[in-house]
Amino acid sequence: LNVFSKPEFSNVLLLMIWALPFTVVFMLLSCGFQGYYRVVISILFQNL
C-alpha cells in the first residue's frame, strides 16, 4: 500500500517471496554444477 500504492499486490508478493529460499538453493547449486563443467544440468537448475 505505502510503497507500491497497489493494495492488490499484497498476496502476490507474499507468495512469490516465499519462493526465495528455494530459489537461492537451486541457483547456488547450479553454480556448483557449472564448476564441474556440467553445463546442461547447471542451466536446468539455473532457470530452465
All heavy atoms as atom14 arrays in JSON, in Angstrom:
{
  "sequence": "LNVFSKPEFSNVLLLMIWALPFTVVFMLLSCGFQGYYRVVISILFQNL",
  "atom14_mask": [
    [1, 1, 1, 1, 1, 1, 1, 1, 0, 0, 0, 0, 0, 0],
    [1, 1, 1, 1, 1, 1, 1, 1, 0, 0, 0, 0, 0, 0],
    [1, 1, 1, 1, 1, 1, 1, 0, 0, 0, 0, 0, 0, 0],
    [1, 1, 1, 1, 1, 1, 1, 1, 1, 1, 1, 0, 0, 0],
    [1, 1, 1, 1, 1, 1, 0, 0, 0, 0, 0, 0, 0, 0],
    [1, 1, 1, 1, 1, 1, 1, 1, 1, 0, 0, 0, 0, 0],
    [1, 1, 1, 1, 1, 1, 1, 0, 0, 0, 0, 0, 0, 0],
    [1, 1, 1, 1, 1, 1, 1, 1, 1, 0, 0, 0, 0, 0],
    [1, 1, 1, 1, 1, 1, 1, 1, 1, 1, 1, 0, 0, 0],
    [1, 1, 1, 1, 1, 1, 0, 0, 0, 0, 0, 0, 0, 0],
    [1, 1, 1, 1, 1, 1, 1, 1, 0, 0, 0, 0, 0, 0],
    [1, 1, 1, 1, 1, 1, 1, 0, 0, 0, 0, 0, 0, 0],
    [1, 1, 1, 1, 1, 1, 1, 1, 0, 0, 0, 0, 0, 0],
    [1, 1, 1, 1, 1, 1, 1, 1, 0, 0, 0, 0, 0, 0],
    [1, 1, 1, 1, 1, 1, 1, 1, 0, 0, 0, 0, 0, 0],
    [1, 1, 1, 1, 1, 1, 1, 1, 0, 0, 0, 0, 0, 0],
    [1, 1, 1, 1, 1, 1, 1, 1, 0, 0, 0, 0, 0, 0],
    [1, 1, 1, 1, 1, 1, 1, 1, 1, 1, 1, 1, 1, 1],
    [1, 1, 1, 1, 1, 0, 0, 0, 0, 0, 0, 0, 0, 0],
    [1, 1, 1, 1, 1, 1, 1, 1, 0, 0, 0, 0, 0, 0],
    [1, 1, 1, 1, 1, 1, 1, 0, 0, 0, 0, 0, 0, 0],
    [1, 1, 1, 1, 1, 1, 1, 1, 1, 1, 1, 0, 0, 0],
    [1, 1, 1, 1, 1, 1, 1, 0, 0, 0, 0, 0, 0, 0],
    [1, 1, 1, 1, 1, 1, 1, 0, 0, 0, 0, 0, 0, 0],
    [1, 1, 1, 1, 1, 1, 1, 0, 0, 0, 0, 0, 0, 0],
    [1, 1, 1, 1, 1, 1, 1, 1, 1, 1, 1, 0, 0, 0],
    [1, 1, 1, 1, 1, 1, 1, 1, 0, 0, 0, 0, 0, 0],
    [1, 1, 1, 1, 1, 1, 1, 1, 0, 0, 0, 0, 0, 0],
    [1, 1, 1, 1, 1, 1, 1, 1, 0, 0, 0, 0, 0, 0],
    [1, 1, 1, 1, 1, 1, 0, 0, 0, 0, 0, 0, 0, 0],
    [1, 1, 1, 1, 1, 1, 0, 0, 0, 0, 0, 0, 0, 0],
    [1, 1, 1, 1, 0, 0, 0, 0, 0, 0, 0, 0, 0, 0],
    [1, 1, 1, 1, 1, 1, 1, 1, 1, 1, 1, 0, 0, 0],
    [1, 1, 1, 1, 1, 1, 1, 1, 1, 0, 0, 0, 0, 0],
    [1, 1, 1, 1, 0, 0, 0, 0, 0, 0, 0, 0, 0, 0],
    [1, 1, 1, 1, 1, 1, 1, 1, 1, 1, 1, 1, 0, 0],
    [1, 1, 1, 1, 1, 1, 1, 1, 1, 1, 1, 1, 0, 0],
    [1, 1, 1, 1, 1, 1, 1, 1, 1, 1, 1, 0, 0, 0],
    [1, 1, 1, 1, 1, 1, 1, 0, 0, 0, 0, 0, 0, 0],
    [1, 1, 1, 1, 1, 1, 1, 0, 0, 0, 0, 0, 0, 0],
    [1, 1, 1, 1, 1, 1, 1, 1, 0, 0, 0, 0, 0, 0],
    [1, 1, 1, 1, 1, 1, 0, 0, 0, 0, 0, 0, 0, 0],
    [1, 1, 1, 1, 1, 1, 1, 1, 0, 0, 0, 0, 0, 0],
    [1, 1, 1, 1, 1, 1, 1, 1, 0, 0, 0, 0, 0, 0],
    [1, 1, 1, 1, 1, 1, 1, 1, 1, 1, 1, 0, 0, 0],
    [1, 1, 1, 1, 1, 1, 1, 1, 1, 0, 0, 0, 0, 0],
    [1, 1, 1, 1, 1, 1, 1, 1, 0, 0, 0, 0, 0, 0],
    [1, 1, 1, 1, 1, 1, 1, 1, 0, 0, 0, 0, 0, 0]
  ],
  "atom14_positions": [
    [[0.81, -1.21, 0.0], [0.0, 0.0, 0.0], [0.85, 1.27, 0.0], [0.64, 2.17, -0.82], [-0.92, 0.0, 1.22], [-1.85, 1.22, 1.39], [-2.79, 1.33, 0.2], [-2.62, 1.11, 2.69], [0.0, 0.0, 0.0], [0.0, 0.0, 0.0], [0.0, 0.0, 0.0], [0.0, 0.0, 0.0], [0.0, 0.0, 0.0], [0.0, 0.0, 0.0]],
    [[1.84, 1.32, 0.9], [2.57, 2.58, 1.1], [3.76, 2.76, 0.16], [4.16, 3.9, -0.1], [3.05, 2.67, 2.55], [1.9, 2.67, 3.53], [0.85, 3.25, 3.28], [2.07, 1.99, 4.67], [0.0, 0.0, 0.0], [0.0, 0.0, 0.0], [0.0, 0.0, 0.0], [0.0, 0.0, 0.0], [0.0, 0.0, 0.0], [0.0, 0.0, 0.0]],
    [[4.35, 1.66, -0.31], [5.49, 1.77, -1.22], [5.04, 1.72, -2.67], [5.37, 2.6, -3.47], [6.54, 0.67, -0.94], [7.68, 0.75, -1.95], [7.07, 0.78, 0.48], [0.0, 0.0, 0.0], [0.0, 0.0, 0.0], [0.0, 0.0, 0.0], [0.0, 0.0, 0.0], [0.0, 0.0, 0.0], [0.0, 0.0, 0.0], [0.0, 0.0, 0.0]],
    [[4.26, 0.69, -3.0], [3.86, 0.5, -4.4], [2.48, 1.06, -4.74], [2.1, 1.06, -5.91], [3.91, -1.0, -4.75], [5.3, -1.58, -4.72], [5.72, -2.36, -3.65], [6.19, -1.33, -5.75], [7.0, -2.89, -3.61], [7.47, -1.85, -5.73], [7.88, -2.63, -4.66], [0.0, 0.0, 0.0], [0.0, 0.0, 0.0], [0.0, 0.0, 0.0]],
    [[1.75, 1.49, -3.73], [0.4, 2.05, -3.94], [-0.49, 1.07, -4.68], [-1.31, 1.45, -5.52], [0.48, 3.38, -4.7], [1.25, 4.32, -4.0], [0.0, 0.0, 0.0], [0.0, 0.0, 0.0], [0.0, 0.0, 0.0], [0.0, 0.0, 0.0], [0.0, 0.0, 0.0], [0.0, 0.0, 0.0], [0.0, 0.0, 0.0], [0.0, 0.0, 0.0]],
    [[-0.33, -0.21, -4.38], [-1.09, -1.27, -5.05], [-1.53, -2.28, -3.98], [-0.88, -3.32, -3.78], [-0.24, -1.96, -6.12], [0.22, -1.04, -7.26], [1.17, -1.75, -8.2], [1.59, -0.87, -9.36], [2.36, 0.32, -8.94], [0.0, 0.0, 0.0], [0.0, 0.0, 0.0], [0.0, 0.0, 0.0], [0.0, 0.0, 0.0], [0.0, 0.0, 0.0]],
    [[-2.62, -2.03, -3.28], [-3.05, -2.94, -2.22], [-3.31, -4.35, -2.71], [-3.16, -5.32, -1.97], [-4.33, -2.28, -1.68], [-4.75, -1.31, -2.73], [-3.51, -0.87, -3.42], [0.0, 0.0, 0.0], [0.0, 0.0, 0.0], [0.0, 0.0, 0.0], [0.0, 0.0, 0.0], [0.0, 0.0, 0.0], [0.0, 0.0, 0.0], [0.0, 0.0, 0.0]],
    [[-3.71, -4.49, -3.98], [-3.98, -5.81, -4.55], [-2.7, -6.61, -4.78], [-2.74, -7.8, -5.14], [-4.75, -5.66, -5.88], [-3.96, -5.06, -7.03], [-3.9, -3.54, -7.03], [-4.2, -2.92, -5.98], [-3.53, -2.96, -8.08], [0.0, 0.0, 0.0], [0.0, 0.0, 0.0], [0.0, 0.0, 0.0], [0.0, 0.0, 0.0], [0.0, 0.0, 0.0]],
    [[-1.55, -5.97, -4.58], [-0.26, -6.6, -4.79], [0.16, -7.47, -3.61], [1.06, -8.3, -3.72], [0.78, -5.49, -5.04], [2.16, -5.96, -5.4], [2.36, -6.9, -6.39], [3.27, -5.45, -4.74], [3.64, -7.33, -6.73], [4.55, -5.85, -5.07], [4.73, -6.8, -6.06], [0.0, 0.0, 0.0], [0.0, 0.0, 0.0], [0.0, 0.0, 0.0]],
    [[-0.5, -7.33, -2.47], [-0.07, -7.93, -1.21], [0.09, -9.45, -1.29], [1.16, -9.99, -0.99], [-1.06, -7.55, -0.1], [-0.68, -8.15, 1.11], [0.0, 0.0, 0.0], [0.0, 0.0, 0.0], [0.0, 0.0, 0.0], [0.0, 0.0, 0.0], [0.0, 0.0, 0.0], [0.0, 0.0, 0.0], [0.0, 0.0, 0.0], [0.0, 0.0, 0.0]],
    [[-0.96, -10.17, -1.67], [-0.9, -11.63, -1.7], [0.07, -12.15, -2.75], [0.73, -13.18, -2.55], [-2.29, -12.21, -1.94], [-3.19, -12.06, -0.73], [-2.72, -11.89, 0.39], [-4.5, -12.11, -0.95], [0.0, 0.0, 0.0], [0.0, 0.0, 0.0], [0.0, 0.0, 0.0], [0.0, 0.0, 0.0], [0.0, 0.0, 0.0], [0.0, 0.0, 0.0]],
    [[0.14, -11.45, -3.87], [1.06, -11.86, -4.93], [2.5, -11.79, -4.43], [3.29, -12.73, -4.6], [0.88, -10.96, -6.18], [1.83, -11.4, -7.3], [-0.56, -10.99, -6.66], [0.0, 0.0, 0.0], [0.0, 0.0, 0.0], [0.0, 0.0, 0.0], [0.0, 0.0, 0.0], [0.0, 0.0, 0.0], [0.0, 0.0, 0.0], [0.0, 0.0, 0.0]],
    [[2.85, -10.69, -3.81], [4.21, -10.51, -3.29], [4.52, -11.52, -2.19], [5.62, -12.09, -2.14], [4.37, -9.09, -2.75], [5.72, -8.74, -2.14], [6.85, -8.94, -3.13], [5.73, -7.3, -1.62], [0.0, 0.0, 0.0], [0.0, 0.0, 0.0], [0.0, 0.0, 0.0], [0.0, 0.0, 0.0], [0.0, 0.0, 0.0], [0.0, 0.0, 0.0]],
    [[3.56, -11.78, -1.32], [3.77, -12.72, -0.21], [4.09, -14.12, -0.74], [5.01, -14.78, -0.25], [2.53, -12.76, 0.67], [2.59, -13.71, 1.88], [3.7, -13.3, 2.83], [1.24, -13.74, 2.6], [0.0, 0.0, 0.0], [0.0, 0.0, 0.0], [0.0, 0.0, 0.0], [0.0, 0.0, 0.0], [0.0, 0.0, 0.0], [0.0, 0.0, 0.0]],
    [[3.33, -14.57, -1.72], [3.56, -15.9, -2.29], [4.92, -15.99, -2.98], [5.66, -16.95, -2.81], [2.44, -16.24, -3.27], [1.08, -16.54, -2.65], [0.0, -16.55, -3.73], [1.11, -17.88, -1.92], [0.0, 0.0, 0.0], [0.0, 0.0, 0.0], [0.0, 0.0, 0.0], [0.0, 0.0, 0.0], [0.0, 0.0, 0.0], [0.0, 0.0, 0.0]],
    [[5.23, -14.97, -3.77], [6.47, -15.01, -4.54], [7.69, -14.94, -3.64], [8.71, -15.59, -3.92], [6.48, -13.85, -5.54], [5.47, -14.02, -6.68], [5.84, -15.44, -7.74], [7.2, -14.78, -8.7], [0.0, 0.0, 0.0], [0.0, 0.0, 0.0], [0.0, 0.0, 0.0], [0.0, 0.0, 0.0], [0.0, 0.0, 0.0], [0.0, 0.0, 0.0]],
    [[7.62, -14.16, -2.56], [8.8, -14.02, -1.72], [9.11, -15.32, -0.99], [10.27, -15.59, -0.64], [8.64, -12.84, -0.74], [10.03, -12.32, -0.31], [7.84, -13.24, 0.49], [10.85, -11.77, -1.43], [0.0, 0.0, 0.0], [0.0, 0.0, 0.0], [0.0, 0.0, 0.0], [0.0, 0.0, 0.0], [0.0, 0.0, 0.0], [0.0, 0.0, 0.0]],
    [[8.09, -16.18, -0.76], [8.38, -17.46, -0.11], [9.02, -18.47, -1.06], [9.45, -19.55, -0.62], [7.12, -18.03, 0.54], [6.91, -17.46, 1.9], [6.01, -16.51, 2.28], [7.67, -17.76, 3.07], [6.16, -16.2, 3.62], [7.18, -16.96, 4.13], [8.73, -18.62, 3.35], [7.7, -17.0, 5.42], [9.25, -18.67, 4.64], [8.73, -17.87, 5.65]],
    [[9.12, -18.1, -2.33], [9.91, -18.91, -3.26], [11.4, -18.6, -3.12], [12.24, -19.32, -3.67], [9.46, -18.66, -4.7], [0.0, 0.0, 0.0], [0.0, 0.0, 0.0], [0.0, 0.0, 0.0], [0.0, 0.0, 0.0], [0.0, 0.0, 0.0], [0.0, 0.0, 0.0], [0.0, 0.0, 0.0], [0.0, 0.0, 0.0], [0.0, 0.0, 0.0]],
    [[11.73, -17.55, -2.35], [13.12, -17.08, -2.26], [14.09, -18.14, -1.73], [15.12, -18.4, -2.38], [13.17, -15.81, -1.4], [14.55, -15.24, -1.12], [15.26, -14.87, -2.41], [14.44, -14.02, -0.2], [0.0, 0.0, 0.0], [0.0, 0.0, 0.0], [0.0, 0.0, 0.0], [0.0, 0.0, 0.0], [0.0, 0.0, 0.0], [0.0, 0.0, 0.0]],
    [[13.87, -18.76, -0.56], [14.87, -19.72, -0.07], [15.08, -20.9, -1.01], [16.2, -21.4, -1.16], [14.3, -20.18, 1.29], [12.88, -19.75, 1.31], [12.76, -18.59, 0.4], [0.0, 0.0, 0.0], [0.0, 0.0, 0.0], [0.0, 0.0, 0.0], [0.0, 0.0, 0.0], [0.0, 0.0, 0.0], [0.0, 0.0, 0.0], [0.0, 0.0, 0.0]],
    [[14.02, -21.34, -1.67], [14.15, -22.45, -2.63], [14.95, -22.01, -3.86], [15.79, -22.75, -4.37], [12.77, -22.95, -3.04], [11.9, -23.36, -1.88], [10.89, -22.53, -1.42], [12.12, -24.56, -1.23], [10.1, -22.89, -0.34], [11.33, -24.95, -0.15], [10.33, -24.1, 0.29], [0.0, 0.0, 0.0], [0.0, 0.0, 0.0], [0.0, 0.0, 0.0]],
    [[14.69, -20.78, -4.31], [15.42, -20.26, -5.46], [16.9, -20.1, -5.16], [17.76, -20.42, -5.99], [14.82, -18.9, -5.89], [13.43, -19.05, -6.15], [15.5, -18.38, -7.15], [0.0, 0.0, 0.0], [0.0, 0.0, 0.0], [0.0, 0.0, 0.0], [0.0, 0.0, 0.0], [0.0, 0.0, 0.0], [0.0, 0.0, 0.0], [0.0, 0.0, 0.0]],
    [[17.21, -19.6, -3.98], [18.6, -19.43, -3.57], [19.34, -20.76, -3.62], [20.48, -20.84, -4.1], [18.66, -18.82, -2.14], [20.03, -19.03, -1.52], [18.33, -17.34, -2.19], [0.0, 0.0, 0.0], [0.0, 0.0, 0.0], [0.0, 0.0, 0.0], [0.0, 0.0, 0.0], [0.0, 0.0, 0.0], [0.0, 0.0, 0.0], [0.0, 0.0, 0.0]],
    [[18.69, -21.82, -3.15], [19.35, -23.13, -3.12], [19.65, -23.64, -4.53], [20.79, -24.0, -4.84], [18.47, -24.15, -2.37], [19.03, -25.57, -2.54], [18.4, -23.81, -0.89], [0.0, 0.0, 0.0], [0.0, 0.0, 0.0], [0.0, 0.0, 0.0], [0.0, 0.0, 0.0], [0.0, 0.0, 0.0], [0.0, 0.0, 0.0], [0.0, 0.0, 0.0]],
    [[18.62, -23.67, -5.4], [18.91, -24.29, -6.71], [19.8, -23.4, -7.58], [20.53, -23.91, -8.44], [17.63, -24.75, -7.44], [16.64, -23.7, -7.86], [16.92, -22.8, -8.87], [15.38, -23.68, -7.28], [15.97, -21.88, -9.27], [14.42, -22.75, -7.67], [14.73, -21.85, -8.68], [0.0, 0.0, 0.0], [0.0, 0.0, 0.0], [0.0, 0.0, 0.0]],
    [[19.81, -22.09, -7.35], [20.72, -21.24, -8.12], [22.17, -21.43, -7.68], [23.08, -21.47, -8.51], [20.3, -19.78, -7.97], [18.99, -19.43, -8.64], [19.05, -19.58, -10.43], [19.94, -18.09, -10.87], [0.0, 0.0, 0.0], [0.0, 0.0, 0.0], [0.0, 0.0, 0.0], [0.0, 0.0, 0.0], [0.0, 0.0, 0.0], [0.0, 0.0, 0.0]],
    [[22.41, -21.55, -6.37], [23.78, -21.78, -5.9], [24.28, -23.16, -6.33], [25.45, -23.32, -6.7], [23.84, -21.64, -4.38], [23.88, -20.21, -3.83], [23.91, -20.23, -2.31], [25.08, -19.44, -4.36], [0.0, 0.0, 0.0], [0.0, 0.0, 0.0], [0.0, 0.0, 0.0], [0.0, 0.0, 0.0], [0.0, 0.0, 0.0], [0.0, 0.0, 0.0]],
    [[23.41, -24.16, -6.27], [23.83, -25.5, -6.71], [24.12, -25.52, -8.21], [24.99, -26.26, -8.66], [22.76, -26.53, -6.35], [22.59, -26.82, -4.86], [21.5, -27.86, -4.63], [23.9, -27.29, -4.24], [0.0, 0.0, 0.0], [0.0, 0.0, 0.0], [0.0, 0.0, 0.0], [0.0, 0.0, 0.0], [0.0, 0.0, 0.0], [0.0, 0.0, 0.0]],
    [[23.41, -24.7, -8.97], [23.69, -24.61, -10.41], [25.11, -24.09, -10.63], [25.79, -24.5, -11.58], [22.68, -23.72, -11.12], [22.94, -22.34, -10.91], [0.0, 0.0, 0.0], [0.0, 0.0, 0.0], [0.0, 0.0, 0.0], [0.0, 0.0, 0.0], [0.0, 0.0, 0.0], [0.0, 0.0, 0.0], [0.0, 0.0, 0.0], [0.0, 0.0, 0.0]],
    [[25.58, -23.2, -9.75], [26.97, -22.72, -9.85], [27.95, -23.86, -9.56], [29.02, -23.95, -10.17], [27.2, -21.58, -8.87], [26.24, -20.09, -9.21], [0.0, 0.0, 0.0], [0.0, 0.0, 0.0], [0.0, 0.0, 0.0], [0.0, 0.0, 0.0], [0.0, 0.0, 0.0], [0.0, 0.0, 0.0], [0.0, 0.0, 0.0], [0.0, 0.0, 0.0]],
    [[27.58, -24.72, -8.61], [28.42, -25.88, -8.33], [28.53, -26.79, -9.54], [29.62, -27.24, -9.9], [0.0, 0.0, 0.0], [0.0, 0.0, 0.0], [0.0, 0.0, 0.0], [0.0, 0.0, 0.0], [0.0, 0.0, 0.0], [0.0, 0.0, 0.0], [0.0, 0.0, 0.0], [0.0, 0.0, 0.0], [0.0, 0.0, 0.0], [0.0, 0.0, 0.0]],
    [[27.41, -27.07, -10.2], [27.44, -27.89, -11.42], [28.25, -27.22, -12.52], [28.94, -27.89, -13.29], [26.01, -28.16, -11.9], [25.26, -29.15, -11.07], [24.14, -28.77, -10.35], [25.67, -30.48, -11.0], [23.43, -29.69, -9.58], [24.98, -31.41, -10.24], [23.86, -31.01, -9.52], [0.0, 0.0, 0.0], [0.0, 0.0, 0.0], [0.0, 0.0, 0.0]],
    [[28.16, -25.88, -12.6], [28.95, -25.16, -13.59], [30.44, -25.33, -13.34], [31.23, -25.48, -14.28], [28.57, -23.68, -13.58], [29.2, -22.86, -14.69], [28.75, -21.42, -14.68], [27.76, -21.07, -14.03], [29.44, -20.57, -15.4], [0.0, 0.0, 0.0], [0.0, 0.0, 0.0], [0.0, 0.0, 0.0], [0.0, 0.0, 0.0], [0.0, 0.0, 0.0]],
    [[30.84, -25.32, -12.07], [32.23, -25.54, -11.73], [32.73, -26.92, -12.13], [33.9, -27.09, -12.46], [0.0, 0.0, 0.0], [0.0, 0.0, 0.0], [0.0, 0.0, 0.0], [0.0, 0.0, 0.0], [0.0, 0.0, 0.0], [0.0, 0.0, 0.0], [0.0, 0.0, 0.0], [0.0, 0.0, 0.0], [0.0, 0.0, 0.0], [0.0, 0.0, 0.0]],
    [[31.83, -27.89, -12.13], [32.16, -29.24, -12.58], [32.05, -29.39, -14.1], [32.16, -30.51, -14.62], [31.22, -30.25, -11.92], [31.63, -30.69, -10.54], [30.84, -30.36, -9.43], [32.78, -31.44, -10.33], [31.19, -30.77, -8.15], [33.13, -31.86, -9.06], [32.34, -31.53, -7.98], [32.7, -31.93, -6.71], [0.0, 0.0, 0.0], [0.0, 0.0, 0.0]],
    [[31.77, -28.3, -14.83], [31.59, -28.29, -16.28], [30.34, -29.07, -16.72], [30.25, -29.48, -17.87], [32.82, -28.86, -17.0], [34.08, -28.06, -16.78], [34.99, -28.42, -15.79], [34.36, -26.93, -17.55], [36.15, -27.69, -15.58], [35.52, -26.19, -17.34], [36.41, -26.57, -16.35], [37.54, -25.84, -16.15], [0.0, 0.0, 0.0], [0.0, 0.0, 0.0]],
    [[29.39, -29.24, -15.82], [28.13, -29.9, -16.18], [27.14, -28.81, -16.59], [26.24, -28.42, -15.84], [27.61, -30.74, -15.01], [28.55, -31.88, -14.64], [27.84, -32.91, -13.79], [26.75, -33.54, -14.51], [25.9, -34.43, -13.98], [26.05, -34.78, -12.71], [24.93, -34.94, -14.67], [0.0, 0.0, 0.0], [0.0, 0.0, 0.0], [0.0, 0.0, 0.0]],
    [[27.34, -28.34, -17.81], [26.67, -27.13, -18.27], [25.16, -27.32, -18.39], [24.37, -26.47, -17.97], [27.27, -26.67, -19.61], [26.54, -25.45, -20.13], [28.76, -26.37, -19.45], [0.0, 0.0, 0.0], [0.0, 0.0, 0.0], [0.0, 0.0, 0.0], [0.0, 0.0, 0.0], [0.0, 0.0, 0.0], [0.0, 0.0, 0.0], [0.0, 0.0, 0.0]],
    [[24.74, -28.42, -18.97], [23.3, -28.65, -19.18], [22.56, -28.72, -17.85], [21.5, -28.09, -17.69], [23.07, -29.94, -20.0], [21.58, -30.25, -20.1], [23.66, -29.79, -21.4], [0.0, 0.0, 0.0], [0.0, 0.0, 0.0], [0.0, 0.0, 0.0], [0.0, 0.0, 0.0], [0.0, 0.0, 0.0], [0.0, 0.0, 0.0], [0.0, 0.0, 0.0]],
    [[23.1, -29.48, -16.91], [22.49, -29.58, -15.59], [22.45, -28.21, -14.92], [21.46, -27.84, -14.27], [23.25, -30.58, -14.71], [23.14, -32.0, -15.29], [22.71, -30.57, -13.28], [21.74, -32.55, -15.28], [0.0, 0.0, 0.0], [0.0, 0.0, 0.0], [0.0, 0.0, 0.0], [0.0, 0.0, 0.0], [0.0, 0.0, 0.0], [0.0, 0.0, 0.0]],
    [[23.53, -27.45, -15.08], [23.59, -26.12, -14.48], [22.49, -25.21, -15.02], [21.81, -24.52, -14.26], [24.97, -25.49, -14.74], [25.04, -24.2, -14.2], [0.0, 0.0, 0.0], [0.0, 0.0, 0.0], [0.0, 0.0, 0.0], [0.0, 0.0, 0.0], [0.0, 0.0, 0.0], [0.0, 0.0, 0.0], [0.0, 0.0, 0.0], [0.0, 0.0, 0.0]],
    [[22.31, -25.21, -16.33], [21.27, -24.38, -16.94], [19.88, -24.85, -16.52], [18.99, -24.04, -16.28], [21.4, -24.4, -18.48], [22.71, -23.73, -18.91], [20.22, -23.68, -19.14], [23.02, -23.87, -20.38], [0.0, 0.0, 0.0], [0.0, 0.0, 0.0], [0.0, 0.0, 0.0], [0.0, 0.0, 0.0], [0.0, 0.0, 0.0], [0.0, 0.0, 0.0]],
    [[19.72, -26.15, -16.39], [18.43, -26.7, -15.98], [18.01, -26.15, -14.62], [16.86, -25.74, -14.42], [18.51, -28.23, -15.92], [17.25, -28.95, -15.41], [16.09, -28.74, -16.37], [17.52, -30.44, -15.23], [0.0, 0.0, 0.0], [0.0, 0.0, 0.0], [0.0, 0.0, 0.0], [0.0, 0.0, 0.0], [0.0, 0.0, 0.0], [0.0, 0.0, 0.0]],
    [[18.97, -26.12, -13.68], [18.64, -25.65, -12.34], [18.79, -24.14, -12.19], [18.38, -23.58, -11.17], [19.5, -26.38, -11.3], [19.15, -27.83, -11.17], [20.11, -28.81, -11.31], [17.84, -28.21, -10.94], [19.78, -30.15, -11.18], [17.49, -29.56, -10.83], [18.46, -30.52, -10.95], [0.0, 0.0, 0.0], [0.0, 0.0, 0.0], [0.0, 0.0, 0.0]],
    [[19.36, -23.49, -13.17], [19.5, -22.05, -13.09], [18.22, -21.33, -13.47], [17.79, -20.41, -12.79], [20.65, -21.58, -14.0], [21.06, -20.15, -13.79], [22.26, -19.8, -14.64], [22.13, -19.45, -15.8], [23.44, -19.92, -14.07], [0.0, 0.0, 0.0], [0.0, 0.0, 0.0], [0.0, 0.0, 0.0], [0.0, 0.0, 0.0], [0.0, 0.0, 0.0]],
    [[17.59, -21.74, -14.57], [16.35, -21.06, -14.98], [15.42, -21.92, -15.83], [14.22, -21.71, -15.81], [16.66, -19.76, -15.74], [17.78, -19.92, -16.75], [17.97, -20.98, -17.33], [18.55, -18.86, -16.96], [0.0, 0.0, 0.0], [0.0, 0.0, 0.0], [0.0, 0.0, 0.0], [0.0, 0.0, 0.0], [0.0, 0.0, 0.0], [0.0, 0.0, 0.0]],
    [[15.97, -22.88, -16.56], [15.14, -23.67, -17.47], [14.09, -24.47, -16.72], [12.91, -24.51, -17.11], [16.02, -24.6, -18.31], [15.3, -25.53, -19.29], [14.47, -24.72, -20.28], [16.3, -26.42, -20.02], [0.0, 0.0, 0.0], [0.0, 0.0, 0.0], [0.0, 0.0, 0.0], [0.0, 0.0, 0.0], [0.0, 0.0, 0.0], [0.0, 0.0, 0.0]]
  ]
}
